[in-house]
Amino acid sequence: MIARIWHGILKTKSDADEFADYVMQTGVKGVQATEGNRGVYVLKHVDEERAEFLFISLWESFDAIRRFAGEDVEKAVYHPRDEEFLLELEPKVKHFEVLVKP
């Protein structure tokens, strides 16, 4: 199994709840609808200075990731309003081999 991890920092921490809802309607739905997806986690961290998100999707193979992300599996996938919320659009994601599963 492969974990695909994306990280984002919001421009305004007060948008954290709205962005979380937006991610559920865009990224989570897209990932869950892709054959070969084995689950998704969305993590939110808000402190005094900023709001950060980690989006972790689990995949059976790189072929499954390509069905979601396209040929360049390292390229981050963004949606129409992401630029409105995010401090920057990080161009790449990271992939990790999952060694221990729940």
PDB file of N, CA and C in Angstrom:
ATOM      1  N   MET A   1       0.843  -1.167   0.000  1.00  0.00           N
ATOM      2  CA  MET A   1       0.000   0.000   0.000  1.00  0.00           C
ATOM      3  C   MET A   1       0.895   1.239   0.000  1.00  0.00           C
ATOM      4  N   ILE A   2       0.401   2.294  -0.645  1.00  0.00           N
ATOM      5  CA  ILE A   2       1.143   3.546  -0.769  1.00  0.00           C
ATOM      6  C   ILE A   2       0.316   4.673  -0.156  1.00  0.00           C
ATOM      7  N   ALA A   3       0.971   5.497   0.648  1.00  0.00           N
ATOM      8  CA  ALA A   3       0.338   6.694   1.202  1.00  0.00           C
ATOM      9  C   ALA A   3       0.803   7.886   0.382  1.00  0.00           C
ATOM     10  N   ARG A   4      -0.165   8.661  -0.088  1.00  0.00           N
ATOM     11  CA  ARG A   4       0.106   9.890  -0.846  1.00  0.00           C
ATOM     12  C   ARG A   4      -0.209  11.050   0.085  1.00  0.00           C
ATOM     13  N   ILE A   5       0.768  11.931   0.334  1.00  0.00           N
ATOM     14  CA  ILE A   5       0.608  12.963   1.355  1.00  0.00           C
ATOM     15  C   ILE A   5       0.796  14.345   0.748  1.00  0.00           C
ATOM     16  N   TRP A   6      -0.223  15.171   0.962  1.00  0.00           N
ATOM     17  CA  TRP A   6      -0.208  16.566   0.545  1.00  0.00           C
ATOM     18  C   TRP A   6      -0.295  17.439   1.791  1.00  0.00           C
ATOM     19  N   HIS A   7       0.368  18.587   1.750  1.00  0.00           N
ATOM     20  CA  HIS A   7       0.394  19.527   2.877  1.00  0.00           C
ATOM     21  C   HIS A   7      -0.003  20.900   2.379  1.00  0.00           C
ATOM     22  N   GLY A   8      -0.828  21.610   3.155  1.00  0.00           N
ATOM     23  CA  GLY A   8      -1.206  22.956   2.794  1.00  0.00           C
ATOM     24  C   GLY A   8      -1.347  23.858   4.002  1.00  0.00           C
ATOM     25  N   ILE A   9      -1.005  25.124   3.829  1.00  0.00           N
ATOM     26  CA  ILE A   9      -1.138  26.143   4.870  1.00  0.00           C
ATOM     27  C   ILE A   9      -2.117  27.192   4.360  1.00  0.00           C
ATOM     28  N   LEU A  10      -3.070  27.549   5.190  1.00  0.00           N
ATOM     29  CA  LEU A  10      -4.070  28.526   4.785  1.00  0.00           C
ATOM     30  C   LEU A  10      -3.556  29.949   4.908  1.00  0.00           C
ATOM     31  N   LYS A  11      -4.079  30.823   4.069  1.00  0.00           N
ATOM     32  CA  LYS A  11      -3.762  32.246   4.147  1.00  0.00           C
ATOM     33  C   LYS A  11      -4.296  32.830   5.453  1.00  0.00           C
ATOM     34  N   THR A  12      -5.492  32.388   5.837  1.00  0.00           N
ATOM     35  CA  THR A  12      -6.164  32.914   7.018  1.00  0.00           C
ATOM     36  C   THR A  12      -6.659  31.753   7.863  1.00  0.00           C
ATOM     37  N   LYS A  13      -6.200  31.668   9.097  1.00  0.00           N
ATOM     38  CA  LYS A  13      -6.585  30.528   9.932  1.00  0.00           C
ATOM     39  C   LYS A  13      -8.072  30.489  10.226  1.00  0.00           C
ATOM     40  N   SER A  14      -8.748  31.631  10.141  1.00  0.00           N
ATOM     41  CA  SER A  14     -10.192  31.659  10.390  1.00  0.00           C
ATOM     42  C   SER A  14     -10.976  30.936   9.294  1.00  0.00           C
ATOM     43  N   ASP A  15     -10.320  30.610   8.192  1.00  0.00           N
ATOM     44  CA  ASP A  15     -10.972  29.859   7.107  1.00  0.00           C
ATOM     45  C   ASP A  15     -10.870  28.346   7.279  1.00  0.00           C
ATOM     46  N   ALA A  16     -10.314  27.882   8.385  1.00  0.00           N
ATOM     47  CA  ALA A  16     -10.033  26.455   8.554  1.00  0.00           C
ATOM     48  C   ALA A  16     -11.275  25.582   8.416  1.00  0.00           C
ATOM     49  N   ASP A  17     -12.367  25.957   9.041  1.00  0.00           N
ATOM     50  CA  ASP A  17     -13.571  25.123   8.966  1.00  0.00           C
ATOM     51  C   ASP A  17     -14.166  25.134   7.562  1.00  0.00           C
ATOM     52  N   GLU A  18     -14.188  26.301   6.927  1.00  0.00           N
ATOM     53  CA  GLU A  18     -14.714  26.385   5.560  1.00  0.00           C
ATOM     54  C   GLU A  18     -13.849  25.577   4.595  1.00  0.00           C
ATOM     55  N   PHE A  19     -12.520  25.670   4.756  1.00  0.00           N
ATOM     56  CA  PHE A  19     -11.633  24.898   3.886  1.00  0.00           C
ATOM     57  C   PHE A  19     -11.823  23.402   4.116  1.00  0.00           C
ATOM     58  N   ALA A  20     -11.987  22.997   5.363  1.00  0.00           N
ATOM     59  CA  ALA A  20     -12.214  21.576   5.659  1.00  0.00           C
ATOM     60  C   ALA A  20     -13.464  21.072   4.937  1.00  0.00           C
ATOM     61  N   ASP A  21     -14.540  21.837   4.985  1.00  0.00           N
ATOM     62  CA  ASP A  21     -15.768  21.453   4.271  1.00  0.00           C
ATOM     63  C   ASP A  21     -15.519  21.366   2.767  1.00  0.00           C
ATOM     64  N   TYR A  22     -14.791  22.336   2.249  1.00  0.00           N
ATOM     65  CA  TYR A  22     -14.463  22.373   0.818  1.00  0.00           C
ATOM     66  C   TYR A  22     -13.648  21.142   0.409  1.00  0.00           C
ATOM     67  N   VAL A  23     -12.676  20.775   1.223  1.00  0.00           N
ATOM     68  CA  VAL A  23     -11.842  19.600   0.935  1.00  0.00           C
ATOM     69  C   VAL A  23     -12.696  18.329   0.919  1.00  0.00           C
ATOM     70  N   MET A  24     -13.666  18.246   1.812  1.00  0.00           N
ATOM     71  CA  MET A  24     -14.539  17.065   1.843  1.00  0.00           C
ATOM     72  C   MET A  24     -15.343  16.949   0.544  1.00  0.00           C
ATOM     73  N   GLN A  25     -15.770  18.081   0.006  1.00  0.00           N
ATOM     74  CA  GLN A  25     -16.588  18.087  -1.203  1.00  0.00           C
ATOM     75  C   GLN A  25     -15.772  17.916  -2.486  1.00  0.00           C
ATOM     76  N   THR A  26     -14.482  18.203  -2.437  1.00  0.00           N
ATOM     77  CA  THR A  26     -13.650  18.130  -3.639  1.00  0.00           C
ATOM     78  C   THR A  26     -12.668  16.966  -3.551  1.00  0.00           C
ATOM     79  N   GLY A  27     -11.600  17.159  -2.813  1.00  0.00           N
ATOM     80  CA  GLY A  27     -10.527  16.160  -2.750  1.00  0.00           C
ATOM     81  C   GLY A  27     -10.964  14.814  -2.216  1.00  0.00           C
ATOM     82  N   VAL A  28     -11.683  14.803  -1.105  1.00  0.00           N
ATOM     83  CA  VAL A  28     -12.083  13.529  -0.502  1.00  0.00           C
ATOM     84  C   VAL A  28     -13.007  12.771  -1.444  1.00  0.00           C
ATOM     85  N   LYS A  29     -14.002  13.446  -1.990  1.00  0.00           N
ATOM     86  CA  LYS A  29     -14.927  12.766  -2.911  1.00  0.00           C
ATOM     87  C   LYS A  29     -14.206  12.230  -4.142  1.00  0.00           C
ATOM     88  N   GLY A  30     -13.272  13.014  -4.679  1.00  0.00           N
ATOM     89  CA  GLY A  30     -12.523  12.571  -5.851  1.00  0.00           C
ATOM     90  C   GLY A  30     -11.665  11.356  -5.571  1.00  0.00           C
ATOM     91  N   VAL A  31     -11.000  11.373  -4.437  1.00  0.00           N
ATOM     92  CA  VAL A  31     -10.158  10.232  -4.053  1.00  0.00           C
ATOM     93  C   VAL A  31     -11.015   8.994  -3.829  1.00  0.00           C
ATOM     94  N   GLN A  32     -12.086   9.133  -3.062  1.00  0.00           N
ATOM     95  CA  GLN A  32     -12.926   7.984  -2.736  1.00  0.00           C
ATOM     96  C   GLN A  32     -13.589   7.375  -3.967  1.00  0.00           C
ATOM     97  N   ALA A  33     -13.798   8.183  -4.998  1.00  0.00           N
ATOM     98  CA  ALA A  33     -14.439   7.692  -6.218  1.00  0.00           C
ATOM     99  C   ALA A  33     -13.462   6.997  -7.168  1.00  0.00           C
ATOM    100  N   THR A  34     -12.187   6.999  -6.835  1.00  0.00           N
ATOM    101  CA  THR A  34     -11.167   6.442  -7.722  1.00  0.00           C
ATOM    102  C   THR A  34     -10.891   4.992  -7.369  1.00  0.00           C
ATOM    103  N   GLU A  35     -10.982   4.138  -8.371  1.00  0.00           N
ATOM    104  CA  GLU A  35     -10.696   2.711  -8.181  1.00  0.00           C
ATOM    105  C   GLU A  35      -9.265   2.536  -7.680  1.00  0.00           C
ATOM    106  N   GLY A  36      -9.092   1.735  -6.653  1.00  0.00           N
ATOM    107  CA  GLY A  36      -7.767   1.492  -6.094  1.00  0.00           C
ATOM    108  C   GLY A  36      -7.474   2.307  -4.857  1.00  0.00           C
ATOM    109  N   ASN A  37      -8.379   3.240  -4.515  1.00  0.00           N
ATOM    110  CA  ASN A  37      -8.200   3.985  -3.268  1.00  0.00           C
ATOM    111  C   ASN A  37      -8.564   3.089  -2.102  1.00  0.00           C
ATOM    112  N   ARG A  38      -7.783   3.159  -1.043  1.00  0.00           N
ATOM    113  CA  ARG A  38      -7.989   2.319   0.144  1.00  0.00           C
ATOM    114  C   ARG A  38      -8.295   3.132   1.386  1.00  0.00           C
ATOM    115  N   GLY A  39      -8.581   4.426   1.214  1.00  0.00           N
ATOM    116  CA  GLY A  39      -8.954   5.258   2.356  1.00  0.00           C
ATOM    117  C   GLY A  39      -8.318   6.627   2.256  1.00  0.00           C
ATOM    118  N   VAL A  40      -8.828   7.528   3.082  1.00  0.00           N
ATOM    119  CA  VAL A  40      -8.315   8.893   3.088  1.00  0.00           C
ATOM    120  C   VAL A  40      -8.450   9.460   4.495  1.00  0.00           C
ATOM    121  N   TYR A  41      -7.459  10.230   4.888  1.00  0.00           N
ATOM    122  CA  TYR A  41      -7.464  10.964   6.157  1.00  0.00           C
ATOM    123  C   TYR A  41      -7.234  12.432   5.845  1.00  0.00           C
ATOM    124  N   VAL A  42      -7.972  13.304   6.513  1.00  0.00           N
ATOM    125  CA  VAL A  42      -7.727  14.734   6.431  1.00  0.00           C
ATOM    126  C   VAL A  42      -7.429  15.196   7.853  1.00  0.00           C
ATOM    127  N   LEU A  43      -6.256  15.774   8.048  1.00  0.00           N
ATOM    128  CA  LEU A  43      -5.831  16.236   9.371  1.00  0.00           C
ATOM    129  C   LEU A  43      -5.728  17.750   9.372  1.00  0.00           C
ATOM    130  N   LYS A  44      -6.219  18.360  10.441  1.00  0.00           N
ATOM    131  CA  LYS A  44      -6.212  19.820  10.567  1.00  0.00           C
ATOM    132  C   LYS A  44      -5.481  20.187  11.847  1.00  0.00           C
ATOM    133  N   HIS A  45      -4.604  21.192  11.754  1.00  0.00           N
ATOM    134  CA  HIS A  45      -3.905  21.717  12.925  1.00  0.00           C
ATOM    135  C   HIS A  45      -4.023  23.232  12.893  1.00  0.00           C
ATOM    136  N   VAL A  46      -4.592  23.807  13.944  1.00  0.00           N
ATOM    137  CA  VAL A  46      -4.711  25.260  14.047  1.00  0.00           C
ATOM    138  C   VAL A  46      -4.019  25.683  15.334  1.00  0.00           C
ATOM    139  N   ASP A  47      -3.110  26.646  15.224  1.00  0.00           N
ATOM    140  CA  ASP A  47      -2.483  27.217  16.416  1.00  0.00           C
ATOM    141  C   ASP A  47      -2.657  28.723  16.382  1.00  0.00           C
ATOM    142  N   GLU A  48      -1.906  29.439  17.186  1.00  0.00           N
ATOM    143  CA  GLU A  48      -2.061  30.893  17.274  1.00  0.00           C
ATOM    144  C   GLU A  48      -1.717  31.594  15.971  1.00  0.00           C
ATOM    145  N   GLU A  49      -0.869  30.985  15.155  1.00  0.00           N
ATOM    146  CA  GLU A  49      -0.353  31.651  13.967  1.00  0.00           C
ATOM    147  C   GLU A  49      -1.011  31.235  12.655  1.00  0.00           C
ATOM    148  N   ARG A  50      -1.386  29.956  12.544  1.00  0.00           N
ATOM    149  CA  ARG A  50      -1.865  29.511  11.237  1.00  0.00           C
ATOM    150  C   ARG A  50      -2.670  28.210  11.332  1.00  0.00           C
ATOM    151  N   ALA A  51      -3.251  27.857  10.192  1.00  0.00           N
ATOM    152  CA  ALA A  51      -3.964  26.586  10.051  1.00  0.00           C
ATOM    153  C   ALA A  51      -3.275  25.784   8.950  1.00  0.00           C
ATOM    154  N   GLU A  52      -3.015  24.518   9.261  1.00  0.00           N
ATOM    155  CA  GLU A  52      -2.365  23.616   8.314  1.00  0.00           C
ATOM    156  C   GLU A  52      -3.223  22.377   8.123  1.00  0.00           C
ATOM    157  N   PHE A  53      -3.110  21.797   6.944  1.00  0.00           N
ATOM    158  CA  PHE A  53      -3.818  20.565   6.637  1.00  0.00           C
ATOM    159  C   PHE A  53      -2.854  19.541   6.070  1.00  0.00           C
ATOM    160  N   LEU A  54      -3.088  18.292   6.432  1.00  0.00           N
ATOM    161  CA  LEU A  54      -2.434  17.158   5.784  1.00  0.00           C
ATOM    162  C   LEU A  54      -3.537  16.312   5.175  1.00  0.00           C
ATOM    163  N   PHE A  55      -3.354  15.923   3.947  1.00  0.00           N
ATOM    164  CA  PHE A  55      -4.299  15.088   3.232  1.00  0.00           C
ATOM    165  C   PHE A  55      -3.548  13.806   2.913  1.00  0.00           C
ATOM    166  N   ILE A  56      -3.966  12.723   3.512  1.00  0.00           N
ATOM    167  CA  ILE A  56      -3.292  11.440   3.335  1.00  0.00           C
ATOM    168  C   ILE A  56      -4.267  10.478   2.676  1.00  0.00           C
ATOM    169  N   SER A  57      -3.925  10.058   1.472  1.00  0.00           N
ATOM    170  CA  SER A  57      -4.753   9.071   0.789  1.00  0.00           C
ATOM    171  C   SER A  57      -3.952   7.780   0.657  1.00  0.00           C
ATOM    172  N   LEU A  58      -4.646   6.670   0.765  1.00  0.00           N
ATOM    173  CA  LEU A  58      -4.016   5.348   0.716  1.00  0.00           C
ATOM    174  C   LEU A  58      -4.409   4.654  -0.581  1.00  0.00           C
ATOM    175  N   TRP A  59      -3.427   4.029  -1.223  1.00  0.00           N
ATOM    176  CA  TRP A  59      -3.627   3.473  -2.562  1.00  0.00           C
ATOM    177  C   TRP A  59      -3.047   2.075  -2.665  1.00  0.00           C
ATOM    178  N   GLU A  60      -3.667   1.261  -3.506  1.00  0.00           N
ATOM    179  CA  GLU A  60      -3.179  -0.103  -3.691  1.00  0.00           C
ATOM    180  C   GLU A  60      -1.939  -0.155  -4.576  1.00  0.00           C
ATOM    181  N   SER A  61      -1.741   0.859  -5.448  1.00  0.00           N
ATOM    182  CA  SER A  61      -0.610   0.846  -6.378  1.00  0.00           C
ATOM    183  C   SER A  61      -0.416   2.240  -6.986  1.00  0.00           C
ATOM    184  N   PHE A  62       0.712   2.409  -7.678  1.00  0.00           N
ATOM    185  CA  PHE A  62       0.925   3.661  -8.405  1.00  0.00           C
ATOM    186  C   PHE A  62      -0.015   3.765  -9.601  1.00  0.00           C
ATOM    187  N   ASP A  63      -0.426   2.636 -10.166  1.00  0.00           N
ATOM    188  CA  ASP A  63      -1.422   2.688 -11.243  1.00  0.00           C
ATOM    189  C   ASP A  63      -2.726   3.284 -10.731  1.00  0.00           C
ATOM    190  N   ALA A  64      -3.120   2.942  -9.526  1.00  0.00           N
ATOM    191  CA  ALA A  64      -4.334   3.515  -8.934  1.00  0.00           C
ATOM    192  C   ALA A  64      -4.159   5.021  -8.715  1.00  0.00           C
ATOM    193  N   ILE A  65      -2.985   5.430  -8.246  1.00  0.00           N
ATOM    194  CA  ILE A  65      -2.718   6.859  -8.049  1.00  0.00           C
ATOM    195  C   ILE A  65      -2.811   7.591  -9.379  1.00  0.00           C
ATOM    196  N   ARG A  66      -2.300   6.997 -10.457  1.00  0.00           N
ATOM    197  CA  ARG A  66      -2.373   7.630 -11.774  1.00  0.00           C
ATOM    198  C   ARG A  66      -3.821   7.855 -12.219  1.00  0.00           C
ATOM    199  N   ARG A  67      -4.716   6.941 -11.846  1.00  0.00           N
ATOM    200  CA  ARG A  67      -6.131   7.128 -12.195  1.00  0.00           C
ATOM    201  C   ARG A  67      -6.689   8.391 -11.545  1.00  0.00           C
ATOM    202  N   PHE A  68      -6.150   8.765 -10.393  1.00  0.00           N
ATOM    203  CA  PHE A  68      -6.592   9.980  -9.703  1.00  0.00           C
ATOM    204  C   PHE A  68      -5.794  11.211 -10.142  1.00  0.00           C
ATOM    205  N   ALA A  69      -4.461  11.082 -10.178  1.00  0.00           N
ATOM    206  CA  ALA A  69      -3.577  12.246 -10.318  1.00  0.00           C
ATOM    207  C   ALA A  69      -3.056  12.475 -11.730  1.00  0.00           C
ATOM    208  N   GLY A  70      -3.170  11.491 -12.592  1.00  0.00           N
ATOM    209  CA  GLY A  70      -2.582  11.598 -13.924  1.00  0.00           C
ATOM    210  C   GLY A  70      -1.198  10.965 -13.955  1.00  0.00           C
ATOM    211  N   GLU A  71      -0.548  11.079 -15.099  1.00  0.00           N
ATOM    212  CA  GLU A  71       0.753  10.411 -15.304  1.00  0.00           C
ATOM    213  C   GLU A  71       1.817  10.850 -14.313  1.00  0.00           C
ATOM    214  N   ASP A  72       1.892  12.130 -14.014  1.00  0.00           N
ATOM    215  CA  ASP A  72       2.900  12.636 -13.073  1.00  0.00           C
ATOM    216  C   ASP A  72       2.347  12.492 -11.658  1.00  0.00           C
ATOM    217  N   VAL A  73       2.594  11.343 -11.035  1.00  0.00           N
ATOM    218  CA  VAL A  73       2.017  11.061  -9.713  1.00  0.00           C
ATOM    219  C   VAL A  73       2.567  11.973  -8.625  1.00  0.00           C
ATOM    220  N   GLU A  74       3.701  12.617  -8.880  1.00  0.00           N
ATOM    221  CA  GLU A  74       4.288  13.522  -7.886  1.00  0.00           C
ATOM    222  C   GLU A  74       3.607  14.892  -7.878  1.00  0.00           C
ATOM    223  N   LYS A  75       2.903  15.208  -8.934  1.00  0.00           N
ATOM    224  CA  LYS A  75       2.255  16.513  -9.056  1.00  0.00           C
ATOM    225  C   LYS A  75       1.011  16.577  -8.172  1.00  0.00           C
ATOM    226  N   ALA A  76       0.893  17.647  -7.400  1.00  0.00           N
ATOM    227  CA  ALA A  76      -0.277  17.836  -6.535  1.00  0.00           C
ATOM    228  C   ALA A  76      -1.510  18.100  -7.391  1.00  0.00           C
ATOM    229  N   VAL A  77      -2.654  17.641  -6.911  1.00  0.00           N
ATOM    230  CA  VAL A  77      -3.932  17.868  -7.577  1.00  0.00           C
ATOM    231  C   VAL A  77      -4.649  18.997  -6.843  1.00  0.00           C
ATOM    232  N   TYR A  78      -5.049  20.021  -7.589  1.00  0.00           N
ATOM    233  CA  TYR A  78      -5.750  21.153  -6.988  1.00  0.00           C
ATOM    234  C   TYR A  78      -7.122  21.330  -7.603  1.00  0.00           C
ATOM    235  N   HIS A  79      -7.978  22.038  -6.874  1.00  0.00           N
ATOM    236  CA  HIS A  79      -9.359  22.285  -7.275  1.00  0.00           C
ATOM    237  C   HIS A  79      -9.582  23.793  -7.416  1.00  0.00           C
ATOM    238  N   PRO A  80     -10.693  24.203  -8.047  1.00  0.00           N
ATOM    239  CA  PRO A  80     -10.875  25.608  -8.430  1.00  0.00           C
ATOM    240  C   PRO A  80     -10.687  26.654  -7.331  1.00  0.00           C
ATOM    241  N   ARG A  81     -11.112  26.390  -6.110  1.00  0.00           N
ATOM    242  CA  ARG A  81     -11.021  27.426  -5.067  1.00  0.00           C
ATOM    243  C   ARG A  81      -9.780  27.293  -4.184  1.00  0.00           C
ATOM    244  N   ASP A  82      -8.929  26.325  -4.428  1.00  0.00           N
ATOM    245  CA  ASP A  82      -7.755  26.123  -3.566  1.00  0.00           C
ATOM    246  C   ASP A  82      -6.896  27.379  -3.454  1.00  0.00           C
ATOM    247  N   GLU A  83      -6.694  28.061  -4.554  1.00  0.00           N
ATOM    248  CA  GLU A  83      -5.844  29.260  -4.545  1.00  0.00           C
ATOM    249  C   GLU A  83      -6.429  30.356  -3.640  1.00  0.00           C
ATOM    250  N   GLU A  84      -7.743  30.384  -3.522  1.00  0.00           N
ATOM    251  CA  GLU A  84      -8.412  31.347  -2.650  1.00  0.00           C
ATOM    252  C   GLU A  84      -8.042  31.125  -1.177  1.00  0.00           C
ATOM    253  N   PHE A  85      -7.866  29.873  -0.790  1.00  0.00           N
ATOM    254  CA  PHE A  85      -7.617  29.516   0.605  1.00  0.00           C
ATOM    255  C   PHE A  85      -6.139  29.387   0.973  1.00  0.00           C
ATOM    256  N   LEU A  86      -5.329  28.885   0.053  1.00  0.00           N
ATOM    257  CA  LEU A  86      -3.979  28.436   0.405  1.00  0.00           C
ATOM    258  C   LEU A  86      -2.922  29.515   0.226  1.00  0.00           C
ATOM    259  N   LEU A  87      -1.974  29.530   1.158  1.00  0.00           N
ATOM    260  CA  LEU A  87      -0.850  30.454   1.110  1.00  0.00           C
ATOM    261  C   LEU A  87      -0.029  30.230  -0.155  1.00  0.00           C
ATOM    262  N   GLU A  88       0.177  28.978  -0.505  1.00  0.00           N
ATOM    263  CA  GLU A  88       0.846  28.625  -1.755  1.00  0.00           C
ATOM    264  C   GLU A  88       0.320  27.278  -2.218  1.00  0.00           C
ATOM    265  N   LEU A  89       0.440  27.033  -3.501  1.00  0.00           N
ATOM    266  CA  LEU A  89       0.043  25.746  -4.064  1.00  0.00           C
ATOM    267  C   LEU A  89       1.315  24.912  -4.214  1.00  0.00           C
ATOM    268  N   GLU A  90       1.588  24.130  -3.196  1.00  0.00           N
ATOM    269  CA  GLU A  90       2.796  23.305  -3.239  1.00  0.00           C
ATOM    270  C   GLU A  90       2.719  22.397  -4.465  1.00  0.00           C
ATOM    271  N   PRO A  91       3.753  22.386  -5.287  1.00  0.00           N
ATOM    272  CA  PRO A  91       3.666  21.675  -6.568  1.00  0.00           C
ATOM    273  C   PRO A  91       3.725  20.153  -6.461  1.00  0.00           C
ATOM    274  N   LYS A  92       4.319  19.645  -5.411  1.00  0.00           N
ATOM    275  CA  LYS A  92       4.555  18.204  -5.315  1.00  0.00           C
ATOM    276  C   LYS A  92       3.925  17.605  -4.059  1.00  0.00           C
ATOM    277  N   VAL A  93       3.631  16.335  -4.136  1.00  0.00           N
ATOM    278  CA  VAL A  93       3.215  15.543  -2.980  1.00  0.00           C
ATOM    279  C   VAL A  93       4.327  14.529  -2.701  1.00  0.00           C
ATOM    280  N   LYS A  94       4.209  13.837  -1.576  1.00  0.00           N
ATOM    281  CA  LYS A  94       5.167  12.780  -1.258  1.00  0.00           C
ATOM    282  C   LYS A  94       4.420  11.460  -1.167  1.00  0.00           C
ATOM    283  N   HIS A  95       5.129  10.414  -1.516  1.00  0.00           N
ATOM    284  CA  HIS A  95       4.576   9.059  -1.425  1.00  0.00           C
ATOM    285  C   HIS A  95       5.436   8.241  -0.469  1.00  0.00           C
ATOM    286  N   PHE A  96       4.770   7.461   0.356  1.00  0.00           N
ATOM    287  CA  PHE A  96       5.444   6.605   1.322  1.00  0.00           C
ATOM    288  C   PHE A  96       4.887   5.197   1.219  1.00  0.00           C
ATOM    289  N   GLU A  97       5.745   4.225   1.312  1.00  0.00           N
ATOM    290  CA  GLU A  97       5.297   2.845   1.410  1.00  0.00           C
ATOM    291  C   GLU A  97       4.744   2.649   2.818  1.00  0.00           C
ATOM    292  N   VAL A  98       3.559   2.074   2.913  1.00  0.00           N
ATOM    293  CA  VAL A  98       2.937   1.822   4.211  1.00  0.00           C
ATOM    294  C   VAL A  98       3.484   0.499   4.749  1.00  0.00           C
ATOM    295  N   LEU A  99       4.145   0.574   5.880  1.00  0.00           N
ATOM    296  CA  LEU A  99       4.749  -0.616   6.481  1.00  0.00           C
ATOM    297  C   LEU A  99       3.871  -1.249   7.551  1.00  0.00           C
ATOM    298  N   VAL A 100       3.063  -0.432   8.235  1.00  0.00           N
ATOM    299  CA  VAL A 100       2.170  -0.946   9.274  1.00  0.00           C
ATOM    300  C   VAL A 100       0.790  -0.373   9.022  1.00  0.00           C
ATOM    301  N   LYS A 101      -0.212  -1.238   9.024  1.00  0.00           N
ATOM    302  CA  LYS A 101      -1.603  -0.816   8.800  1.00  0.00           C
ATOM    303  C   LYS A 101      -2.415  -1.093  10.046  1.00  0.00           C
ATOM    304  N   PRO A 102      -3.479  -0.294  10.259  1.00  0.00           N
ATOM    305  CA  PRO A 102      -4.340  -0.556  11.425  1.00  0.00           C
ATOM    306  C   PRO A 102      -5.060  -1.892  11.298  1.00  0.00           C
TER     307      PRO A 102
END
